[in-house]
Each structure stands twice: as structure tokens, then as C-alpha cells.
């Protein structure tokens, strides 16, 4: 959080902050962590999407959702969404074997925590929820949620 705040308070642009984020935080962890390669590529993709050479850079405070008014998008993890509400929530990657992950399936406790996080995510919207997953490859909790919604 201190890293994010330092860029926002310094009026840093998103591209510069993401490049700094990658080099100072992500790259050192890549050698140590066991995360799938595609998870690390997300940062590189975001860096390319806000490349100032293409005219797409935005102030970091806008990227972080620190603006007043309509049209604001907040990018958040499930952990940081606890206790917060939004008009609409879009959960990406709710695929079988991604959520819950292979690591989650290694213990009953990890599975309970992953399931709890899923329900943290689906209970954040005030008005609209959208779950994004590959066709025919949804998390088992998507079906569970659907079945529960039919009982109401």
C-alpha cells in the first residue's frame, strides 16, 4: 500500500508506476514464487496497455480509483474487497482449476478459504454481478451459486 500511495501522492502516471512496480516488487518475487507464468504476464500486459507512446497513459490516482464522480473503475483483489461494496462487480478467471486453484485443493482448510473468498467477491455488488469464465469450464462454486439463487 505504501508503494501505491507513494505514486498517487507524487502525481505519478500509471505507466511509470507499473514499470516501477514490476521492477521493484514483481521481478524479485518471480524467482522465488511458484505462481503460474501467466499470472506474472498480467503486469506486463497492463504496462503495455498504458504505454505513453501510444497515448494511453492515465494518472495513477485514476487507475487506483481515487477520483470523484461517475465512471470510476476500481481494480481490486478479493482480499482487499472485504468490507467494501460496489454498484457492479466483475470477477474474472472463475474457471475450474483456477478458482479453486491446484494449491487450494491440497487441503480442506485451503479449499474452505478459497470458497470463502469466492463468496466475498460475489457479495460485494449492490446491483450487478458478472462472473467471467471459459464456456463449459466454470468453477464448481458458480454452479453452487446458481443453485442457491434458484432456491430464493
N, C-alpha and C. Protein backbone atom coordinates (compact mmCIF):
# COMPACT_ATOMS: atom_id res chain seq x y z
N UNK A 1 0.84 -1.19 0.00
CA UNK A 1 0.00 0.00 0.00
C UNK A 1 0.88 1.25 0.00
N UNK A 2 1.96 1.21 0.75
CA UNK A 2 2.85 2.37 0.78
C UNK A 2 3.40 2.64 -0.61
N UNK A 3 3.69 1.57 -1.35
CA UNK A 3 4.20 1.71 -2.71
C UNK A 3 3.16 2.41 -3.58
N UNK A 4 1.90 1.98 -3.49
CA UNK A 4 0.82 2.60 -4.27
C UNK A 4 0.62 4.05 -3.87
N UNK A 5 0.55 4.30 -2.58
CA UNK A 5 0.33 5.67 -2.11
C UNK A 5 1.45 6.62 -2.52
N UNK A 6 2.68 6.13 -2.52
CA UNK A 6 3.80 7.00 -2.89
C UNK A 6 3.65 7.51 -4.32
N UNK A 7 3.14 6.67 -5.21
CA UNK A 7 2.93 7.09 -6.59
C UNK A 7 1.74 8.02 -6.74
N UNK A 8 0.66 7.73 -6.01
CA UNK A 8 -0.54 8.57 -6.09
C UNK A 8 -0.24 9.95 -5.54
N UNK A 9 0.38 10.00 -4.37
CA UNK A 9 0.68 11.29 -3.74
C UNK A 9 1.70 12.09 -4.53
N UNK A 10 2.52 11.42 -5.32
CA UNK A 10 3.51 12.11 -6.12
C UNK A 10 3.02 12.44 -7.51
N UNK A 11 1.73 12.25 -7.79
CA UNK A 11 1.13 12.52 -9.10
C UNK A 11 1.83 11.75 -10.22
N UNK A 12 2.23 10.52 -9.93
CA UNK A 12 2.90 9.67 -10.91
C UNK A 12 1.88 9.17 -11.93
N UNK A 13 2.35 8.92 -13.13
CA UNK A 13 1.49 8.36 -14.17
C UNK A 13 1.48 6.83 -14.04
N UNK A 14 0.41 6.21 -14.52
CA UNK A 14 0.22 4.78 -14.35
C UNK A 14 1.34 3.95 -14.99
N UNK A 15 1.75 4.29 -16.21
CA UNK A 15 2.78 3.51 -16.89
C UNK A 15 4.07 3.52 -16.10
N UNK A 16 4.51 4.67 -15.65
CA UNK A 16 5.76 4.76 -14.88
C UNK A 16 5.64 3.97 -13.58
N UNK A 17 4.49 4.07 -12.92
CA UNK A 17 4.30 3.35 -11.66
C UNK A 17 4.30 1.84 -11.88
N UNK A 18 3.60 1.37 -12.94
CA UNK A 18 3.57 -0.07 -13.23
C UNK A 18 4.95 -0.61 -13.57
N UNK A 19 5.74 0.16 -14.30
CA UNK A 19 7.11 -0.26 -14.62
C UNK A 19 7.92 -0.36 -13.33
N UNK A 20 7.79 0.63 -12.46
CA UNK A 20 8.48 0.60 -11.17
C UNK A 20 7.99 -0.58 -10.32
N UNK A 21 6.69 -0.80 -10.31
CA UNK A 21 6.07 -1.91 -9.58
C UNK A 21 6.65 -3.24 -10.05
N UNK A 22 6.75 -3.40 -11.37
CA UNK A 22 7.27 -4.63 -11.92
C UNK A 22 8.73 -4.84 -11.50
N UNK A 23 9.56 -3.83 -11.69
CA UNK A 23 10.99 -3.98 -11.41
C UNK A 23 11.31 -4.08 -9.92
N UNK A 24 10.59 -3.34 -9.09
CA UNK A 24 10.90 -3.32 -7.67
C UNK A 24 10.21 -4.42 -6.86
N UNK A 25 9.02 -4.85 -7.29
CA UNK A 25 8.27 -5.82 -6.49
C UNK A 25 8.05 -7.16 -7.20
N UNK A 26 7.60 -7.13 -8.43
CA UNK A 26 7.24 -8.37 -9.13
C UNK A 26 8.49 -9.17 -9.53
N UNK A 27 9.42 -8.55 -10.22
CA UNK A 27 10.60 -9.28 -10.73
C UNK A 27 11.36 -10.01 -9.62
N UNK A 28 11.61 -9.40 -8.46
CA UNK A 28 12.31 -10.14 -7.41
C UNK A 28 11.54 -11.36 -6.91
N UNK A 29 10.19 -11.28 -6.93
CA UNK A 29 9.39 -12.41 -6.45
C UNK A 29 9.27 -13.53 -7.48
N UNK A 30 9.43 -13.21 -8.75
CA UNK A 30 9.29 -14.23 -9.78
C UNK A 30 10.24 -15.40 -9.55
N UNK A 31 11.43 -15.12 -9.11
CA UNK A 31 12.42 -16.17 -8.90
C UNK A 31 12.08 -17.03 -7.68
N UNK A 32 11.31 -16.47 -6.76
CA UNK A 32 11.02 -17.16 -5.51
C UNK A 32 9.67 -17.87 -5.49
N UNK A 33 8.70 -17.32 -6.19
CA UNK A 33 7.32 -17.81 -6.10
C UNK A 33 7.07 -18.94 -7.08
N UNK A 34 6.00 -19.66 -6.83
CA UNK A 34 5.62 -20.78 -7.69
C UNK A 34 4.38 -20.47 -8.52
N UNK A 35 4.06 -19.20 -8.67
CA UNK A 35 2.86 -18.82 -9.41
C UNK A 35 3.01 -19.22 -10.88
N UNK A 36 1.89 -19.58 -11.52
CA UNK A 36 1.95 -19.86 -12.95
C UNK A 36 2.44 -18.64 -13.73
N UNK A 37 3.15 -18.92 -14.81
CA UNK A 37 3.76 -17.86 -15.61
C UNK A 37 2.75 -16.81 -16.06
N UNK A 38 1.52 -17.23 -16.40
CA UNK A 38 0.54 -16.27 -16.92
C UNK A 38 0.15 -15.22 -15.89
N UNK A 39 0.27 -15.54 -14.59
CA UNK A 39 -0.05 -14.54 -13.57
C UNK A 39 0.95 -13.38 -13.61
N UNK A 40 2.21 -13.67 -13.89
CA UNK A 40 3.22 -12.61 -13.97
C UNK A 40 3.01 -11.77 -15.23
N UNK A 41 2.46 -12.37 -16.26
CA UNK A 41 2.26 -11.65 -17.52
C UNK A 41 1.19 -10.57 -17.41
N UNK A 42 0.33 -10.65 -16.42
CA UNK A 42 -0.72 -9.64 -16.25
C UNK A 42 -0.11 -8.26 -16.08
N UNK A 43 0.94 -8.16 -15.28
CA UNK A 43 1.59 -6.86 -15.07
C UNK A 43 2.17 -6.34 -16.38
N UNK A 44 2.85 -7.19 -17.14
CA UNK A 44 3.42 -6.77 -18.43
C UNK A 44 2.32 -6.31 -19.38
N UNK A 45 1.18 -7.00 -19.36
CA UNK A 45 0.06 -6.61 -20.22
C UNK A 45 -0.48 -5.24 -19.82
N UNK A 46 -0.62 -5.00 -18.51
CA UNK A 46 -1.10 -3.69 -18.06
C UNK A 46 -0.12 -2.59 -18.45
N UNK A 47 1.18 -2.86 -18.33
CA UNK A 47 2.19 -1.87 -18.73
C UNK A 47 2.01 -1.50 -20.20
N UNK A 48 1.82 -2.52 -21.05
CA UNK A 48 1.67 -2.24 -22.48
C UNK A 48 0.38 -1.47 -22.78
N UNK A 49 -0.68 -1.71 -21.99
CA UNK A 49 -1.98 -1.05 -22.23
C UNK A 49 -1.95 0.45 -21.91
N UNK A 50 -1.02 0.87 -21.06
CA UNK A 50 -0.95 2.29 -20.70
C UNK A 50 0.35 2.93 -21.20
N UNK A 51 0.87 2.41 -22.30
CA UNK A 51 2.11 2.93 -22.87
C UNK A 51 1.91 4.37 -23.35
N UNK A 52 2.68 5.31 -22.80
CA UNK A 52 2.52 6.71 -23.21
C UNK A 52 2.84 6.94 -24.70
N UNK A 53 3.67 6.08 -25.27
CA UNK A 53 3.99 6.21 -26.70
C UNK A 53 2.76 5.99 -27.57
N UNK A 54 1.78 5.27 -27.02
CA UNK A 54 0.52 5.03 -27.75
C UNK A 54 -0.57 6.01 -27.34
N UNK A 55 -0.23 6.91 -26.41
CA UNK A 55 -1.20 7.91 -25.96
C UNK A 55 -2.24 7.37 -24.99
N UNK A 56 -1.93 6.28 -24.29
CA UNK A 56 -2.91 5.64 -23.42
C UNK A 56 -2.64 5.81 -21.94
N UNK A 57 -1.63 6.54 -21.53
CA UNK A 57 -1.30 6.66 -20.12
C UNK A 57 -2.35 7.47 -19.38
N UNK A 58 -2.56 7.14 -18.11
CA UNK A 58 -3.51 7.85 -17.26
C UNK A 58 -2.84 8.13 -15.91
N UNK A 59 -3.31 9.16 -15.21
CA UNK A 59 -2.76 9.41 -13.88
C UNK A 59 -3.00 8.20 -12.97
N UNK A 60 -2.03 7.91 -12.12
CA UNK A 60 -2.13 6.75 -11.23
C UNK A 60 -3.33 6.84 -10.32
N UNK A 61 -3.70 8.04 -9.87
CA UNK A 61 -4.86 8.14 -8.97
C UNK A 61 -6.15 7.74 -9.68
N UNK A 62 -6.22 7.92 -10.98
CA UNK A 62 -7.39 7.46 -11.75
C UNK A 62 -7.37 5.94 -11.84
N UNK A 63 -6.20 5.36 -12.13
CA UNK A 63 -6.03 3.91 -12.21
C UNK A 63 -6.38 3.25 -10.88
N UNK A 64 -6.04 3.89 -9.77
CA UNK A 64 -6.29 3.34 -8.44
C UNK A 64 -7.70 3.62 -7.93
N UNK A 65 -8.52 4.33 -8.73
CA UNK A 65 -9.89 4.59 -8.31
C UNK A 65 -10.01 5.72 -7.31
N UNK A 66 -9.04 6.62 -7.29
CA UNK A 66 -9.07 7.73 -6.34
C UNK A 66 -9.56 9.01 -7.01
N UNK A 67 -10.74 8.94 -7.61
CA UNK A 67 -11.31 10.10 -8.27
C UNK A 67 -12.73 10.28 -7.80
N UNK A 68 -13.24 11.46 -7.99
CA UNK A 68 -14.64 11.73 -7.66
C UNK A 68 -15.45 11.66 -8.94
N UNK A 69 -16.71 11.27 -8.82
CA UNK A 69 -17.59 11.31 -9.97
C UNK A 69 -17.90 9.94 -10.51
N UNK A 70 -18.65 9.92 -11.61
CA UNK A 70 -19.10 8.68 -12.22
C UNK A 70 -18.05 8.12 -13.16
N UNK A 71 -18.21 6.88 -13.51
CA UNK A 71 -17.31 6.26 -14.47
C UNK A 71 -16.05 5.71 -13.85
N UNK A 72 -16.02 5.62 -12.57
CA UNK A 72 -14.83 5.15 -11.86
C UNK A 72 -14.77 3.63 -11.86
N UNK A 73 -13.61 3.08 -12.14
CA UNK A 73 -13.39 1.63 -12.09
C UNK A 73 -12.35 1.37 -11.02
N UNK A 74 -12.66 0.43 -10.13
CA UNK A 74 -11.73 0.06 -9.08
C UNK A 74 -11.23 -1.34 -9.35
N UNK A 75 -9.92 -1.49 -9.47
CA UNK A 75 -9.29 -2.78 -9.65
C UNK A 75 -8.92 -3.29 -8.27
N UNK A 76 -9.37 -4.49 -7.91
CA UNK A 76 -9.17 -4.96 -6.54
C UNK A 76 -8.97 -6.46 -6.51
N UNK A 77 -8.28 -6.93 -5.49
CA UNK A 77 -8.21 -8.37 -5.22
C UNK A 77 -9.39 -8.74 -4.34
N UNK A 78 -9.68 -10.01 -4.24
CA UNK A 78 -10.76 -10.45 -3.36
C UNK A 78 -10.42 -10.12 -1.91
N UNK A 79 -9.15 -10.27 -1.54
CA UNK A 79 -8.75 -9.97 -0.17
C UNK A 79 -9.01 -8.51 0.19
N UNK A 80 -8.69 -7.61 -0.73
CA UNK A 80 -8.86 -6.18 -0.41
C UNK A 80 -10.30 -5.71 -0.59
N UNK A 81 -11.17 -6.55 -1.13
CA UNK A 81 -12.58 -6.17 -1.32
C UNK A 81 -13.41 -6.43 -0.07
N UNK A 82 -12.84 -7.13 0.90
CA UNK A 82 -13.59 -7.44 2.13
C UNK A 82 -14.07 -6.15 2.78
N UNK A 83 -15.35 -6.13 3.16
CA UNK A 83 -15.91 -4.97 3.84
C UNK A 83 -16.29 -3.82 2.93
N UNK A 84 -16.09 -3.97 1.63
CA UNK A 84 -16.41 -2.90 0.68
C UNK A 84 -17.58 -3.33 -0.21
N UNK A 85 -18.27 -2.35 -0.79
CA UNK A 85 -19.34 -2.62 -1.74
C UNK A 85 -19.15 -1.76 -2.98
N UNK A 86 -19.66 -2.26 -4.09
CA UNK A 86 -19.57 -1.56 -5.37
C UNK A 86 -20.91 -1.73 -6.08
N UNK A 87 -21.26 -0.80 -6.97
CA UNK A 87 -22.50 -0.95 -7.72
C UNK A 87 -22.47 -2.21 -8.57
N UNK A 88 -21.36 -2.43 -9.25
CA UNK A 88 -21.21 -3.61 -10.11
C UNK A 88 -19.85 -4.26 -9.83
N UNK A 89 -19.81 -5.58 -9.93
CA UNK A 89 -18.57 -6.33 -9.72
C UNK A 89 -18.42 -7.31 -10.87
N UNK A 90 -17.22 -7.36 -11.43
CA UNK A 90 -16.89 -8.33 -12.46
C UNK A 90 -15.74 -9.18 -11.91
N UNK A 91 -15.98 -10.48 -11.79
CA UNK A 91 -14.94 -11.41 -11.33
C UNK A 91 -14.43 -12.18 -12.54
N UNK A 92 -13.15 -12.02 -12.84
CA UNK A 92 -12.52 -12.69 -13.97
C UNK A 92 -11.84 -13.98 -13.54
N UNK A 93 -11.74 -14.92 -14.46
CA UNK A 93 -10.97 -16.14 -14.22
C UNK A 93 -11.62 -17.12 -13.27
N UNK A 94 -12.92 -17.18 -13.27
CA UNK A 94 -13.63 -18.08 -12.36
C UNK A 94 -13.76 -19.44 -13.06
N UNK A 95 -12.62 -19.98 -13.48
CA UNK A 95 -12.57 -21.26 -14.20
C UNK A 95 -12.27 -22.41 -13.25
N UNK A 96 -12.71 -23.59 -13.66
CA UNK A 96 -12.37 -24.81 -12.95
C UNK A 96 -10.85 -24.95 -12.97
N UNK A 97 -10.26 -25.32 -11.89
CA UNK A 97 -8.82 -25.48 -11.68
C UNK A 97 -8.07 -24.16 -11.56
N UNK A 98 -8.71 -23.04 -11.80
CA UNK A 98 -8.11 -21.74 -11.50
C UNK A 98 -8.66 -21.21 -10.18
N UNK A 99 -9.96 -21.46 -9.98
CA UNK A 99 -10.62 -20.99 -8.76
C UNK A 99 -11.65 -22.01 -8.33
N UNK A 100 -11.35 -22.94 -7.48
CA UNK A 100 -10.15 -23.04 -6.66
C UNK A 100 -8.95 -23.53 -7.48
N UNK A 101 -7.79 -23.13 -7.03
CA UNK A 101 -6.55 -23.49 -7.73
C UNK A 101 -6.09 -24.88 -7.29
N UNK A 102 -5.08 -25.37 -7.97
CA UNK A 102 -4.49 -26.65 -7.60
C UNK A 102 -4.00 -26.57 -6.16
N UNK A 103 -3.39 -25.46 -5.79
CA UNK A 103 -2.87 -25.28 -4.44
C UNK A 103 -4.00 -25.32 -3.41
N UNK A 104 -5.13 -24.71 -3.74
CA UNK A 104 -6.29 -24.73 -2.82
C UNK A 104 -6.77 -26.15 -2.57
N UNK A 105 -6.71 -26.99 -3.59
CA UNK A 105 -7.25 -28.35 -3.47
C UNK A 105 -6.34 -29.27 -2.65
N UNK A 106 -5.20 -28.78 -2.20
CA UNK A 106 -4.28 -29.62 -1.45
C UNK A 106 -4.68 -29.82 0.00
N UNK A 107 -5.57 -28.97 0.51
CA UNK A 107 -6.03 -29.17 1.89
C UNK A 107 -7.47 -28.67 2.03
N UNK A 108 -8.15 -29.26 2.97
CA UNK A 108 -9.55 -28.87 3.24
C UNK A 108 -9.61 -27.42 3.71
N UNK A 109 -8.65 -27.03 4.53
CA UNK A 109 -8.62 -25.66 5.04
C UNK A 109 -8.44 -24.65 3.90
N UNK A 110 -7.53 -24.94 2.96
CA UNK A 110 -7.31 -24.05 1.82
C UNK A 110 -8.55 -23.97 0.94
N UNK A 111 -9.24 -25.09 0.78
CA UNK A 111 -10.48 -25.09 -0.02
C UNK A 111 -11.55 -24.24 0.66
N UNK A 112 -11.66 -24.34 1.97
CA UNK A 112 -12.65 -23.51 2.69
C UNK A 112 -12.32 -22.03 2.52
N UNK A 113 -11.04 -21.69 2.61
CA UNK A 113 -10.63 -20.28 2.47
C UNK A 113 -10.91 -19.79 1.05
N UNK A 114 -10.61 -20.60 0.04
CA UNK A 114 -10.87 -20.21 -1.35
C UNK A 114 -12.37 -20.02 -1.59
N UNK A 115 -13.17 -20.92 -1.04
CA UNK A 115 -14.63 -20.81 -1.19
C UNK A 115 -15.14 -19.55 -0.50
N UNK A 116 -14.61 -19.28 0.69
CA UNK A 116 -15.00 -18.08 1.42
C UNK A 116 -14.65 -16.83 0.60
N UNK A 117 -13.46 -16.82 -0.01
CA UNK A 117 -13.06 -15.67 -0.85
C UNK A 117 -13.98 -15.53 -2.06
N UNK A 118 -14.39 -16.64 -2.66
CA UNK A 118 -15.34 -16.59 -3.77
C UNK A 118 -16.61 -15.86 -3.31
N UNK A 119 -17.12 -16.25 -2.15
CA UNK A 119 -18.34 -15.63 -1.65
C UNK A 119 -18.12 -14.19 -1.20
N UNK A 120 -16.91 -13.83 -0.79
CA UNK A 120 -16.60 -12.42 -0.53
C UNK A 120 -16.82 -11.64 -1.83
N UNK A 121 -16.28 -12.17 -2.92
CA UNK A 121 -16.41 -11.49 -4.21
C UNK A 121 -17.84 -11.35 -4.70
N UNK A 122 -18.61 -12.43 -4.59
CA UNK A 122 -19.97 -12.38 -5.15
C UNK A 122 -20.94 -11.60 -4.26
N UNK A 123 -20.54 -11.27 -3.05
CA UNK A 123 -21.42 -10.48 -2.17
C UNK A 123 -21.03 -9.01 -2.13
N UNK A 124 -20.08 -8.56 -2.94
CA UNK A 124 -19.66 -7.15 -2.96
C UNK A 124 -20.57 -6.24 -3.77
N UNK A 125 -21.24 -6.71 -4.83
CA UNK A 125 -22.04 -5.77 -5.64
C UNK A 125 -23.35 -5.39 -4.97
N UNK A 126 -23.71 -4.12 -5.15
CA UNK A 126 -25.02 -3.65 -4.70
C UNK A 126 -26.08 -3.94 -5.76
N UNK A 127 -25.70 -3.89 -7.05
CA UNK A 127 -26.68 -4.01 -8.12
C UNK A 127 -26.41 -5.16 -9.09
N UNK A 128 -25.16 -5.34 -9.50
CA UNK A 128 -24.90 -6.25 -10.61
C UNK A 128 -23.62 -7.05 -10.39
N UNK A 129 -23.68 -8.35 -10.70
CA UNK A 129 -22.53 -9.25 -10.60
C UNK A 129 -22.34 -9.94 -11.94
N UNK A 130 -21.10 -9.98 -12.41
CA UNK A 130 -20.77 -10.67 -13.65
C UNK A 130 -19.60 -11.61 -13.37
N UNK A 131 -19.77 -12.90 -13.63
CA UNK A 131 -18.72 -13.89 -13.45
C UNK A 131 -18.19 -14.26 -14.84
N UNK A 132 -16.89 -14.15 -15.04
CA UNK A 132 -16.29 -14.42 -16.34
C UNK A 132 -15.48 -15.71 -16.23
N UNK A 133 -15.84 -16.68 -17.08
CA UNK A 133 -15.14 -17.96 -17.11
C UNK A 133 -15.22 -18.53 -18.51
N UNK A 134 -14.36 -19.50 -18.80
CA UNK A 134 -14.38 -20.16 -20.10
C UNK A 134 -15.66 -20.99 -20.21
N UNK A 135 -16.28 -20.95 -21.37
CA UNK A 135 -17.51 -21.69 -21.60
C UNK A 135 -17.31 -23.18 -21.27
N UNK A 136 -18.17 -23.70 -20.40
CA UNK A 136 -18.10 -25.10 -20.01
C UNK A 136 -16.97 -25.42 -19.04
N UNK A 137 -16.29 -24.41 -18.52
CA UNK A 137 -15.14 -24.65 -17.64
C UNK A 137 -15.23 -23.79 -16.39
N UNK A 138 -16.41 -23.66 -15.83
CA UNK A 138 -16.61 -22.78 -14.67
C UNK A 138 -16.20 -23.46 -13.37
N UNK A 139 -15.91 -22.65 -12.39
CA UNK A 139 -15.62 -23.12 -11.04
C UNK A 139 -16.83 -23.88 -10.51
N UNK A 140 -16.62 -24.89 -9.68
CA UNK A 140 -17.77 -25.59 -9.10
C UNK A 140 -18.65 -24.67 -8.26
N UNK A 141 -18.09 -23.60 -7.77
CA UNK A 141 -18.87 -22.68 -6.94
C UNK A 141 -19.83 -21.83 -7.77
N UNK A 142 -19.58 -21.70 -9.07
CA UNK A 142 -20.53 -20.99 -9.93
C UNK A 142 -21.84 -21.77 -9.97
N UNK A 143 -21.75 -23.08 -10.15
CA UNK A 143 -22.96 -23.91 -10.16
C UNK A 143 -23.64 -23.87 -8.79
N UNK A 144 -22.86 -23.94 -7.74
CA UNK A 144 -23.42 -23.86 -6.38
C UNK A 144 -24.16 -22.55 -6.17
N UNK A 145 -23.57 -21.45 -6.63
CA UNK A 145 -24.20 -20.13 -6.50
C UNK A 145 -25.49 -20.09 -7.31
N UNK A 146 -25.46 -20.62 -8.52
CA UNK A 146 -26.66 -20.66 -9.36
C UNK A 146 -27.77 -21.45 -8.68
N UNK A 147 -27.44 -22.62 -8.15
CA UNK A 147 -28.44 -23.45 -7.49
C UNK A 147 -29.01 -22.75 -6.25
N UNK A 148 -28.17 -22.07 -5.51
CA UNK A 148 -28.66 -21.32 -4.34
C UNK A 148 -29.59 -20.19 -4.77
N UNK A 149 -29.27 -19.53 -5.88
CA UNK A 149 -30.11 -18.42 -6.32
C UNK A 149 -31.48 -18.91 -6.79
N UNK A 150 -31.58 -20.15 -7.25
CA UNK A 150 -32.84 -20.71 -7.69
C UNK A 150 -33.75 -21.07 -6.52
N UNK A 151 -33.17 -21.23 -5.33
CA UNK A 151 -33.93 -21.59 -4.14
C UNK A 151 -34.58 -20.38 -3.48
N UNK A 152 -34.12 -19.20 -3.83
CA UNK A 152 -34.63 -17.97 -3.20
C UNK A 152 -35.96 -17.58 -3.75
